[in-house]
Amino acid sequence: MRLGLRLFFAFFLINGLAAFFVLRVFMVEIKPSVRKVTEDTLVETAYALAALASPDLASGQLQPGKNSQFRQQLTGYTQRPIQAWIWDTRKTTLDMRITVTDAQGMVLFDSDGKDECADYSRWRDVYLTLRGEYGARTTRAVKDDESSSVMHVSAPIMVDGRIAGVLTASKPSRSVQKIVDGAERKILRGGLLFVLLSAGVGCAVTLWFVAHVRRLRRYAQQVQAPTLNEALHPDQASPALAVPQMPGELGELALAMDTMRKRLEGRDYIEGYVRALTHELKSPVAAIRGAGELLQEDLPAQDREMFARQVVDQSLRLQNLIDQLLQLSRLEQRQQLDKSHSCSLMDCTQQAIQALNGHASQRGITLQLQGVDSTGPWEAGLIVLAISNLLQNALDFSPDGSCITATLAPHRITISDQGPGVPETMLARLGERFLTTPRPNGERSGTGLGLSIVTRIMHLHGGYMSVRNLHPGLAVSLDFAPEK
């Protein structure tokens, strides 16, 4: 199960359990609480009516068949019409029953007129009240029907400081059940709304957290140390990664990952360079060592001259390799260009041609410049270096007496030669460090860093290098980003 689903289900489970227990407490407490309030009201009502019944009981006017003032006022009062709104509950009937018993528990008055002359002395409420205690009971009219229960609360009728009778106020549970049912419905609706809101909040929190975690994951997946296989185009290379901006501990984790990335980049960068450089140094070092060992022996002058020339050639190769490595290293450490001056591609190309014109003339190779000039916020020294490397690479592969053409276009320069070109399978790899291809004479020369330097210069300028075969020949184009 994915992290987001786990977090959402955990959040929903916790909130669901909390809502369940809270709702359960409320639901369990509603009915007892309503009954407590009802009983409290009945207690006050019973004591108030007991005080009103005391004079008639003392004078004997409450006996059955006699028309006392108390009887006149309460007999049939429940039949009176009533329209009352208690909050959101409508009340249309009066359902409180009033009974009065004498000191022996015999019913003297019943507001419903049902149980007069009945013996209530054994009912708990009457029995306890006659003994001077608090008397109350709840009795079901139908044994198996909870809704038929009736609450009875009794109060003593005092005459001359003694208990002369008991007044009981009774109220059926169904009269307050509507209030209980309405409260339960409200609580259930509120609980459902709470669960839905909790689910929404949980979903939002989960999405927020998972989104940040995914940003960290993408950042971690994209973190790569510099490799020896740089892409030719910027959109093929790994873009510079920005540290994700996140709050709290997630932000601290992102910074820690960025610190780790920088350390890994430095370590892997050095390891890659060391491996590649070691591989490139093996051949010239072995050649120099072999030639040096042979020079220690007594050799003919011709052989001695050949081995001495080999030592010089391999030393020059090593020197060239070191120089280009330092040059590439400096380029890779640079993060921005000097854009204080505008640069002309025509001027840069002319400088590069002038520097290599002598070497080209020795082999009868013509260096041509054509096209229209364009300028931009480029660094002239780096542009001259890139064009010089392309021209030098073209000279190495061009046959004697051929022509190398530098064609200028808006924000573009193309160097094309008339050499053998490059196998199609290797076109995509041109620009990798230390990648060399066989020269027309079958020799393996060069350092394999020239096009890497060009690629890095184009990356710094926001442009790219593209290569294509001409059959015969090879065309290398440098495309610069136009000034914004």
Protein backbone atom coordinates (compact mmCIF):
# COMPACT_ATOMS: atom_id res chain seq x y z
CA MET A 1 0.00 0.00 0.00
CA ARG A 2 1.29 3.44 -0.94
CA LEU A 3 2.30 5.96 1.70
CA GLY A 4 -0.58 8.32 0.90
CA LEU A 5 -3.22 5.62 1.37
CA ARG A 6 -1.62 4.48 4.60
CA LEU A 7 -1.58 7.99 6.00
CA PHE A 8 -5.16 8.64 4.88
CA PHE A 9 -6.50 5.40 6.35
CA ALA A 10 -4.58 5.97 9.59
CA PHE A 11 -5.93 9.53 9.87
CA PHE A 12 -9.45 8.40 8.99
CA LEU A 13 -9.29 5.47 11.42
CA ILE A 14 -8.13 7.68 14.30
CA ASN A 15 -10.76 10.31 13.61
CA GLY A 16 -13.43 7.67 13.01
CA LEU A 17 -12.71 5.98 16.32
CA ALA A 18 -12.66 9.33 18.09
CA ALA A 19 -15.97 10.30 16.48
CA PHE A 20 -17.47 6.90 17.34
CA PHE A 21 -16.57 7.11 21.02
CA VAL A 22 -17.62 10.76 21.29
CA LEU A 23 -20.94 10.05 19.59
CA ARG A 24 -21.44 6.99 21.72
CA VAL A 25 -20.92 9.03 24.88
CA PHE A 26 -23.36 11.67 23.67
CA MET A 27 -25.94 9.10 22.58
CA VAL A 28 -25.68 7.22 25.87
CA GLU A 29 -25.95 10.41 27.91
CA ILE A 30 -28.86 12.04 26.07
CA LYS A 31 -31.69 9.97 27.53
CA PRO A 32 -30.43 9.98 31.15
CA SER A 33 -29.74 13.71 30.92
CA VAL A 34 -33.24 14.46 29.62
CA ARG A 35 -34.74 12.28 32.33
CA LYS A 36 -32.70 14.04 34.98
CA VAL A 37 -33.99 17.40 33.79
CA THR A 38 -37.55 16.02 33.66
CA GLU A 39 -37.25 14.58 37.15
CA ASP A 40 -35.87 17.86 38.48
CA THR A 41 -38.86 19.69 36.98
CA LEU A 42 -41.27 17.12 38.43
CA VAL A 43 -39.75 17.50 41.87
CA GLU A 44 -40.33 21.26 41.87
CA THR A 45 -43.82 20.84 40.39
CA ALA A 46 -44.76 18.19 42.97
CA TYR A 47 -43.64 20.31 45.90
CA ALA A 48 -45.43 23.40 44.55
CA LEU A 49 -48.70 21.50 44.02
CA ALA A 50 -48.35 19.78 47.42
CA ALA A 51 -48.29 23.21 49.04
CA LEU A 52 -51.47 24.15 47.11
CA ALA A 53 -53.23 20.90 48.10
CA SER A 54 -52.40 21.19 51.79
CA PRO A 55 -55.37 23.45 52.81
CA ASP A 56 -57.96 21.25 51.06
CA LEU A 57 -56.44 18.08 52.51
CA ALA A 58 -56.43 19.56 56.00
CA SER A 59 -60.10 20.60 55.72
CA GLY A 60 -61.17 17.22 54.30
CA GLN A 61 -62.27 18.76 50.98
CA LEU A 62 -60.06 16.43 48.94
CA GLN A 63 -62.16 13.37 49.76
CA PRO A 64 -63.61 11.64 46.71
CA GLY A 65 -66.98 13.07 45.71
CA LYS A 66 -66.32 16.48 47.21
CA ASN A 67 -65.82 19.50 44.97
CA SER A 68 -62.74 21.19 46.46
CA GLN A 69 -61.04 24.18 44.90
CA PHE A 70 -57.91 22.07 44.17
CA ARG A 71 -60.07 19.49 42.38
CA GLN A 72 -61.87 22.12 40.36
CA GLN A 73 -58.63 23.64 39.13
CA LEU A 74 -56.83 20.45 38.14
CA THR A 75 -59.59 18.07 37.07
CA GLY A 76 -59.47 17.68 33.32
CA TYR A 77 -56.72 20.28 32.84
CA THR A 78 -55.01 17.94 30.42
CA GLN A 79 -57.92 18.35 28.00
CA ARG A 80 -57.28 22.04 27.57
CA PRO A 81 -55.96 23.03 24.11
CA ILE A 82 -52.32 24.17 23.91
CA GLN A 83 -49.96 25.27 21.16
CA ALA A 84 -46.37 25.66 22.31
CA TRP A 85 -43.01 25.54 20.52
CA ILE A 86 -40.20 24.32 22.75
CA TRP A 87 -37.16 25.23 20.66
CA ASP A 88 -37.77 23.12 17.54
CA THR A 89 -40.30 20.74 19.14
CA ARG A 90 -44.04 21.40 18.96
CA LYS A 91 -46.14 20.61 22.06
CA THR A 92 -49.93 20.25 21.61
CA THR A 93 -51.00 18.20 24.71
CA LEU A 94 -50.62 18.34 28.48
CA ASP A 95 -49.70 14.91 29.73
CA MET A 96 -48.68 15.41 33.37
CA ARG A 97 -50.85 13.43 35.78
CA ILE A 98 -51.45 14.56 39.38
CA THR A 99 -52.53 12.19 42.16
CA VAL A 100 -53.03 12.82 45.88
CA THR A 101 -53.07 10.08 48.53
CA ASP A 102 -53.81 10.28 52.24
CA ALA A 103 -51.51 9.16 55.04
CA GLN A 104 -52.51 5.53 54.43
CA GLY A 105 -51.71 5.66 50.72
CA MET A 106 -55.35 5.71 49.50
CA VAL A 107 -55.89 7.84 46.38
CA LEU A 108 -58.04 10.86 47.16
CA PHE A 109 -57.58 12.68 43.86
CA ASP A 110 -56.57 11.70 40.35
CA SER A 111 -56.40 14.36 37.64
CA ASP A 112 -57.30 11.68 35.10
CA GLY A 113 -60.16 10.38 37.30
CA LYS A 114 -58.99 6.76 37.00
CA ASP A 115 -57.61 5.48 40.28
CA GLU A 116 -59.49 7.38 43.00
CA CYS A 117 -59.93 5.20 46.13
CA ALA A 118 -57.11 2.90 44.87
CA ASP A 119 -54.38 1.79 47.26
CA TYR A 120 -51.00 3.34 46.35
CA SER A 121 -49.33 2.63 49.66
CA ARG A 122 -47.14 -0.06 48.17
CA TRP A 123 -45.81 2.04 45.35
CA ARG A 124 -42.23 2.97 46.04
CA ASP A 125 -42.65 6.70 45.58
CA VAL A 126 -45.63 6.93 47.97
CA TYR A 127 -44.17 4.51 50.46
CA LEU A 128 -40.85 6.36 50.79
CA THR A 129 -42.46 9.79 50.88
CA LEU A 130 -44.80 8.79 53.72
CA ARG A 131 -41.69 7.73 55.63
CA GLY A 132 -40.12 11.15 55.11
CA GLU A 133 -37.74 10.09 52.34
CA TYR A 134 -37.44 11.11 48.72
CA GLY A 135 -39.85 9.04 46.67
CA ALA A 136 -39.61 8.49 42.94
CA ARG A 137 -40.09 5.60 40.53
CA THR A 138 -40.32 4.77 36.83
CA THR A 139 -42.84 2.10 35.90
CA ARG A 140 -43.76 0.61 32.52
CA ALA A 141 -47.45 0.53 31.64
CA VAL A 142 -46.63 -2.37 29.27
CA LYS A 143 -44.00 -4.70 30.67
CA ASP A 144 -41.99 -5.23 27.46
CA ASP A 145 -42.45 -1.71 26.06
CA GLU A 146 -39.77 0.77 27.11
CA SER A 147 -41.68 3.66 25.53
CA SER A 148 -44.66 3.05 27.87
CA SER A 149 -42.66 3.87 31.02
CA VAL A 150 -43.93 6.67 33.28
CA MET A 151 -41.85 8.69 35.72
CA HIS A 152 -43.44 9.36 39.12
CA VAL A 153 -42.10 11.89 41.61
CA SER A 154 -43.81 12.38 44.99
CA ALA A 155 -43.79 15.22 47.50
CA PRO A 156 -45.21 15.19 51.07
CA ILE A 157 -48.33 17.26 51.87
CA MET A 158 -47.62 18.85 55.25
CA VAL A 159 -50.43 19.71 57.70
CA ASP A 160 -49.48 21.12 61.08
CA GLY A 161 -45.91 19.92 60.65
CA ARG A 162 -46.76 16.29 59.88
CA ILE A 163 -47.10 14.32 56.65
CA ALA A 164 -50.83 14.14 56.00
CA GLY A 165 -50.60 12.84 52.45
CA VAL A 166 -48.57 12.54 49.28
CA LEU A 167 -48.88 14.41 45.97
CA THR A 168 -47.41 12.60 42.98
CA ALA A 169 -46.58 14.21 39.65
CA SER A 170 -46.31 11.67 36.81
CA LYS A 171 -45.08 12.18 33.28
CA PRO A 172 -44.88 9.53 30.53
CA SER A 173 -41.50 9.03 28.87
CA ARG A 174 -43.02 9.33 25.40
CA SER A 175 -43.62 13.04 26.04
CA VAL A 176 -39.87 13.67 26.17
CA GLN A 177 -38.92 10.94 23.70
CA LYS A 178 -39.46 13.36 20.82
CA ILE A 179 -36.88 15.65 22.37
CA VAL A 180 -34.49 12.71 22.80
CA ASP A 181 -35.05 11.55 19.22
CA GLY A 182 -34.52 15.06 17.86
CA ALA A 183 -31.29 15.43 19.85
CA GLU A 184 -30.06 12.06 18.65
CA ARG A 185 -30.77 12.98 15.03
CA LYS A 186 -28.87 16.24 15.42
CA ILE A 187 -25.94 14.47 17.03
CA LEU A 188 -25.91 11.84 14.30
CA ARG A 189 -25.98 14.51 11.60
CA GLY A 190 -23.25 16.43 13.39
CA GLY A 191 -21.22 13.25 13.80
CA LEU A 192 -21.59 12.39 10.13
CA LEU A 193 -20.56 15.93 9.19
CA PHE A 194 -17.60 15.64 11.57
CA VAL A 195 -16.53 12.36 9.97
CA LEU A 196 -16.84 13.86 6.48
CA LEU A 197 -14.91 16.97 7.49
CA SER A 198 -12.29 14.77 9.15
CA ALA A 199 -12.02 12.76 5.96
CA GLY A 200 -11.65 15.97 3.97
CA VAL A 201 -9.02 17.34 6.34
CA GLY A 202 -7.26 13.98 6.36
CA CYS A 203 -7.29 13.87 2.58
CA ALA A 204 -5.94 17.44 2.38
CA VAL A 205 -3.21 16.78 4.97
CA THR A 206 -2.31 13.51 3.27
CA LEU A 207 -2.13 15.13 -0.17
CA TRP A 208 -0.03 17.97 1.25
CA PHE A 209 2.37 15.61 2.98
CA VAL A 210 2.57 13.14 0.10
CA ALA A 211 3.15 15.99 -2.37
CA HIS A 212 6.14 17.18 -0.35
CA VAL A 213 7.43 13.62 0.06
CA ARG A 214 7.12 13.08 -3.69
CA ARG A 215 9.05 16.28 -4.33
CA LEU A 216 11.77 14.95 -2.06
CA ARG A 217 11.65 11.61 -3.86
CA ARG A 218 11.94 13.25 -7.29
CA TYR A 219 14.77 15.39 -5.99
CA ALA A 220 16.56 12.31 -4.65
CA GLN A 221 15.99 10.40 -7.91
CA GLN A 222 17.28 13.27 -10.05
CA VAL A 223 20.37 13.84 -7.93
CA GLN A 224 23.34 12.66 -10.02
CA ALA A 225 27.02 13.33 -9.78
CA PRO A 226 28.74 14.64 -12.93
CA THR A 227 29.39 11.74 -15.27
CA LEU A 228 31.80 11.20 -18.11
CA ASN A 229 28.92 11.04 -20.61
CA GLU A 230 27.64 14.58 -20.99
CA ALA A 231 24.72 15.03 -23.36
CA LEU A 232 25.07 17.14 -26.45
CA HIS A 233 21.90 19.12 -25.88
CA PRO A 234 20.85 20.94 -22.71
CA ASP A 235 17.46 19.25 -22.70
CA GLN A 236 19.23 15.89 -22.61
CA ALA A 237 21.40 16.84 -19.68
CA SER A 238 20.30 16.81 -16.08
CA PRO A 239 19.13 20.33 -15.21
CA ALA A 240 20.48 22.14 -12.22
CA LEU A 241 18.43 21.00 -9.27
CA ALA A 242 16.91 23.51 -6.89
CA VAL A 243 16.47 22.48 -3.28
CA PRO A 244 12.73 21.97 -2.63
CA GLN A 245 11.36 24.68 -0.35
CA MET A 246 9.43 22.93 2.40
CA PRO A 247 8.35 23.82 5.93
CA GLY A 248 9.68 22.38 9.16
CA GLU A 249 11.47 19.07 9.31
CA LEU A 250 10.80 18.36 5.62
CA GLY A 251 12.75 21.49 4.70
CA GLU A 252 15.60 20.41 6.96
CA LEU A 253 15.55 16.99 5.29
CA ALA A 254 15.73 18.63 1.85
CA LEU A 255 18.75 20.70 2.93
CA ALA A 256 20.41 17.59 4.35
CA MET A 257 19.82 15.79 1.04
CA ASP A 258 21.29 18.74 -0.86
CA THR A 259 24.40 18.66 1.34
CA MET A 260 24.70 14.92 0.77
CA ARG A 261 24.25 15.46 -2.98
CA LYS A 262 27.09 17.97 -3.12
CA ARG A 263 29.40 15.65 -1.22
CA LEU A 264 28.52 12.70 -3.45
CA GLU A 265 28.96 14.81 -6.57
CA GLY A 266 32.42 15.85 -5.49
CA ARG A 267 33.44 12.30 -4.64
CA ASP A 268 31.99 10.69 -7.78
CA TYR A 269 33.35 13.50 -9.95
CA ILE A 270 36.88 12.86 -8.70
CA GLU A 271 36.50 9.08 -8.94
CA GLY A 272 35.27 9.32 -12.53
CA TYR A 273 38.07 11.61 -13.52
CA VAL A 274 40.68 9.43 -11.87
CA ARG A 275 39.41 6.29 -13.62
CA ALA A 276 39.24 7.95 -17.03
CA LEU A 277 42.57 9.74 -16.65
CA THR A 278 44.28 6.57 -15.48
CA HIS A 279 42.97 4.76 -18.53
CA GLU A 280 44.18 7.50 -20.87
CA LEU A 281 47.60 7.75 -19.24
CA LYS A 282 48.35 4.04 -19.47
CA SER A 283 49.17 3.99 -23.19
CA PRO A 284 51.53 7.01 -23.40
CA VAL A 285 53.24 6.09 -20.13
CA ALA A 286 53.75 2.52 -21.32
CA ALA A 287 55.08 3.79 -24.64
CA ILE A 288 57.50 6.20 -22.94
CA ARG A 289 58.67 3.49 -20.54
CA GLY A 290 59.22 1.02 -23.36
CA ALA A 291 61.10 3.55 -25.44
CA GLY A 292 63.17 4.62 -22.42
CA GLU A 293 64.18 1.01 -21.65
CA LEU A 294 65.22 0.46 -25.25
CA LEU A 295 67.19 3.71 -25.33
CA GLN A 296 69.29 2.37 -22.46
CA GLU A 297 70.63 -0.29 -24.81
CA ASP A 298 73.17 0.09 -27.59
CA LEU A 299 70.97 0.84 -30.60
CA PRO A 300 71.63 1.98 -34.12
CA ALA A 301 71.32 5.74 -34.59
CA GLN A 302 68.20 5.35 -36.69
CA ASP A 303 66.41 3.30 -34.03
CA ARG A 304 67.59 5.59 -31.26
CA GLU A 305 66.19 8.58 -33.16
CA MET A 306 62.86 6.80 -33.64
CA PHE A 307 62.48 5.91 -29.98
CA ALA A 308 63.55 9.39 -28.91
CA ARG A 309 60.92 10.87 -31.19
CA GLN A 310 58.37 8.50 -29.70
CA VAL A 311 59.23 9.72 -26.19
CA VAL A 312 58.77 13.33 -27.30
CA ASP A 313 55.48 12.59 -29.10
CA GLN A 314 54.01 10.74 -26.11
CA SER A 315 55.22 13.48 -23.76
CA LEU A 316 53.49 16.07 -25.93
CA ARG A 317 50.38 13.93 -25.88
CA LEU A 318 50.51 13.81 -22.09
CA GLN A 319 51.06 17.55 -21.91
CA ASN A 320 48.12 18.17 -24.25
CA LEU A 321 45.95 15.84 -22.19
CA ILE A 322 46.83 17.62 -18.95
CA ASP A 323 46.26 21.05 -20.48
CA GLN A 324 42.84 20.10 -21.81
CA LEU A 325 41.84 18.43 -18.56
CA LEU A 326 42.69 21.60 -16.66
CA GLN A 327 40.81 23.62 -19.24
CA LEU A 328 37.72 21.40 -18.97
CA SER A 329 37.91 21.38 -15.19
CA ARG A 330 37.91 25.17 -15.08
CA LEU A 331 34.92 25.27 -17.41
CA GLU A 332 32.98 22.81 -15.28
CA GLN A 333 33.59 24.87 -12.17
CA ARG A 334 32.15 27.98 -13.80
CA GLN A 335 28.51 28.76 -13.12
CA GLN A 336 28.06 31.96 -15.12
CA LEU A 337 29.54 33.93 -18.02
CA ASP A 338 30.97 37.38 -18.39
CA LYS A 339 28.20 39.09 -20.37
CA SER A 340 29.46 42.63 -19.94
CA HIS A 341 30.52 42.82 -23.61
CA SER A 342 28.77 41.81 -26.80
CA CYS A 343 30.47 39.12 -28.88
CA SER A 344 30.66 38.72 -32.67
CA LEU A 345 30.73 35.22 -34.14
CA MET A 346 32.52 36.56 -37.23
CA ASP A 347 35.36 38.03 -35.16
CA CYS A 348 35.71 34.89 -33.06
CA THR A 349 35.82 32.66 -36.13
CA GLN A 350 38.44 34.83 -37.79
CA GLN A 351 40.65 34.64 -34.70
CA ALA A 352 40.39 30.86 -34.63
CA ILE A 353 41.16 30.58 -38.37
CA GLN A 354 44.19 32.85 -38.07
CA ALA A 355 45.57 30.70 -35.23
CA LEU A 356 45.29 27.48 -37.30
CA ASN A 357 45.90 28.83 -40.78
CA GLY A 358 49.61 28.05 -40.71
CA HIS A 359 49.07 24.40 -39.77
CA ALA A 360 46.37 24.07 -42.44
CA SER A 361 48.63 25.59 -45.10
CA GLN A 362 51.32 22.99 -44.46
CA ARG A 363 48.87 20.32 -45.57
CA GLY A 364 47.30 22.34 -48.34
CA ILE A 365 43.99 22.61 -46.55
CA THR A 366 41.92 25.72 -47.15
CA LEU A 367 39.99 27.36 -44.31
CA GLN A 368 36.96 29.27 -45.63
CA LEU A 369 34.61 31.65 -43.83
CA GLN A 370 31.18 32.52 -45.21
CA GLY A 371 27.72 33.61 -44.06
CA VAL A 372 26.31 36.53 -42.07
CA ASP A 373 27.55 37.74 -38.72
CA SER A 374 25.52 37.75 -35.49
CA THR A 375 26.25 39.06 -32.03
CA GLY A 376 25.09 38.18 -28.57
CA PRO A 377 25.94 38.29 -24.86
CA TRP A 378 28.58 35.60 -25.21
CA GLU A 379 32.08 35.32 -23.82
CA ALA A 380 34.49 35.84 -26.71
CA GLY A 381 37.39 33.87 -25.28
CA LEU A 382 35.26 30.75 -24.81
CA ILE A 383 33.71 31.08 -28.26
CA VAL A 384 37.17 31.30 -29.87
CA LEU A 385 38.22 28.23 -27.88
CA ALA A 386 35.16 26.22 -29.01
CA ILE A 387 35.62 27.16 -32.68
CA SER A 388 39.37 26.42 -32.48
CA ASN A 389 38.67 22.93 -31.13
CA LEU A 390 36.19 22.25 -33.93
CA LEU A 391 38.64 23.48 -36.57
CA GLN A 392 41.47 21.44 -35.06
CA ASN A 393 39.25 18.37 -35.02
CA ALA A 394 38.33 18.98 -38.67
CA LEU A 395 42.04 19.37 -39.59
CA ASP A 396 42.84 16.03 -37.96
CA PHE A 397 40.28 14.22 -40.12
CA SER A 398 40.52 16.17 -43.38
CA PRO A 399 42.60 14.84 -46.28
CA ASP A 400 45.43 16.97 -47.62
CA GLY A 401 44.36 19.54 -50.19
CA SER A 402 40.73 19.56 -49.00
CA CYS A 403 38.62 22.45 -47.74
CA ILE A 404 37.16 23.25 -44.32
CA THR A 405 34.26 25.70 -44.32
CA ALA A 406 32.97 27.81 -41.43
CA THR A 407 29.42 28.93 -42.24
CA LEU A 408 27.82 31.67 -40.19
CA ALA A 409 24.08 32.14 -39.70
CA PRO A 410 22.04 34.05 -37.10
CA HIS A 411 23.19 32.68 -33.72
CA ARG A 412 24.81 29.67 -35.40
CA ILE A 413 28.14 28.56 -36.78
CA THR A 414 28.74 25.34 -38.70
CA ILE A 415 32.18 23.77 -39.29
CA SER A 416 32.15 21.25 -42.13
CA ASP A 417 35.02 19.22 -43.56
CA GLN A 418 35.56 16.69 -46.35
CA GLY A 419 36.86 13.86 -44.22
CA PRO A 420 35.51 10.32 -43.73
CA GLY A 421 32.83 11.41 -41.25
CA VAL A 422 31.83 9.39 -38.21
CA PRO A 423 30.00 6.05 -38.03
CA GLU A 424 26.30 6.64 -37.42
CA THR A 425 26.44 4.54 -34.26
CA MET A 426 28.96 6.96 -32.73
CA LEU A 427 27.29 10.25 -33.65
CA ALA A 428 25.23 10.36 -30.45
CA ARG A 429 28.34 9.76 -28.32
CA LEU A 430 30.44 12.58 -29.72
CA GLY A 431 31.18 14.92 -26.83
CA GLU A 432 31.90 12.22 -24.27
CA ARG A 433 35.13 12.67 -22.40
CA PHE A 434 38.09 10.67 -23.78
CA LEU A 435 36.06 9.35 -26.71
CA THR A 436 38.31 9.23 -29.81
CA THR A 437 37.73 7.87 -33.29
CA PRO A 438 40.37 6.44 -35.65
CA ARG A 439 42.06 8.98 -37.92
CA PRO A 440 42.10 8.42 -41.70
CA ASN A 441 45.62 7.02 -41.40
CA GLY A 442 44.43 4.46 -38.82
CA GLU A 443 46.21 6.07 -35.89
CA ARG A 444 44.52 6.87 -32.57
CA SER A 445 45.56 10.36 -31.60
CA GLY A 446 44.07 13.23 -29.69
CA THR A 447 42.80 13.31 -26.13
CA GLY A 448 39.08 12.91 -26.72
CA LEU A 449 38.46 16.12 -24.76
CA GLY A 450 38.08 18.68 -27.55
CA LEU A 451 34.38 18.12 -28.17
CA SER A 452 33.77 17.76 -24.43
CA ILE A 453 35.15 21.26 -23.98
CA VAL A 454 32.93 22.51 -26.81
CA THR A 455 29.89 20.85 -25.25
CA ARG A 456 30.58 22.44 -21.88
CA ILE A 457 31.04 25.88 -23.44
CA MET A 458 27.70 25.54 -25.21
CA HIS A 459 26.00 24.49 -21.98
CA LEU A 460 27.36 27.59 -20.29
CA HIS A 461 25.93 29.72 -23.10
CA GLY A 462 22.56 27.98 -23.00
CA GLY A 463 23.09 26.52 -26.46
CA TYR A 464 23.93 23.12 -27.87
CA MET A 465 26.13 21.27 -30.33
CA SER A 466 24.73 19.10 -33.11
CA VAL A 467 26.61 16.74 -35.44
CA ARG A 468 25.69 15.21 -38.79
CA ASN A 469 27.46 13.35 -41.58
CA LEU A 470 27.73 14.97 -45.02
CA HIS A 471 28.95 11.98 -47.10
CA PRO A 472 31.75 12.80 -47.37
CA GLY A 473 32.63 14.87 -44.39
CA LEU A 474 31.21 15.89 -41.07
CA ALA A 475 29.31 19.05 -40.08
CA VAL A 476 29.31 20.29 -36.50
CA SER A 477 26.93 23.14 -35.66
CA LEU A 478 26.93 25.37 -32.60
CA ASP A 479 23.55 26.95 -31.87
CA PHE A 480 23.47 29.85 -29.40
CA ALA A 481 20.44 31.02 -27.50
CA PRO A 482 19.32 34.44 -28.77
CA GLU A 483 19.49 37.41 -26.41
CA LYS A 484 16.29 37.92 -24.41
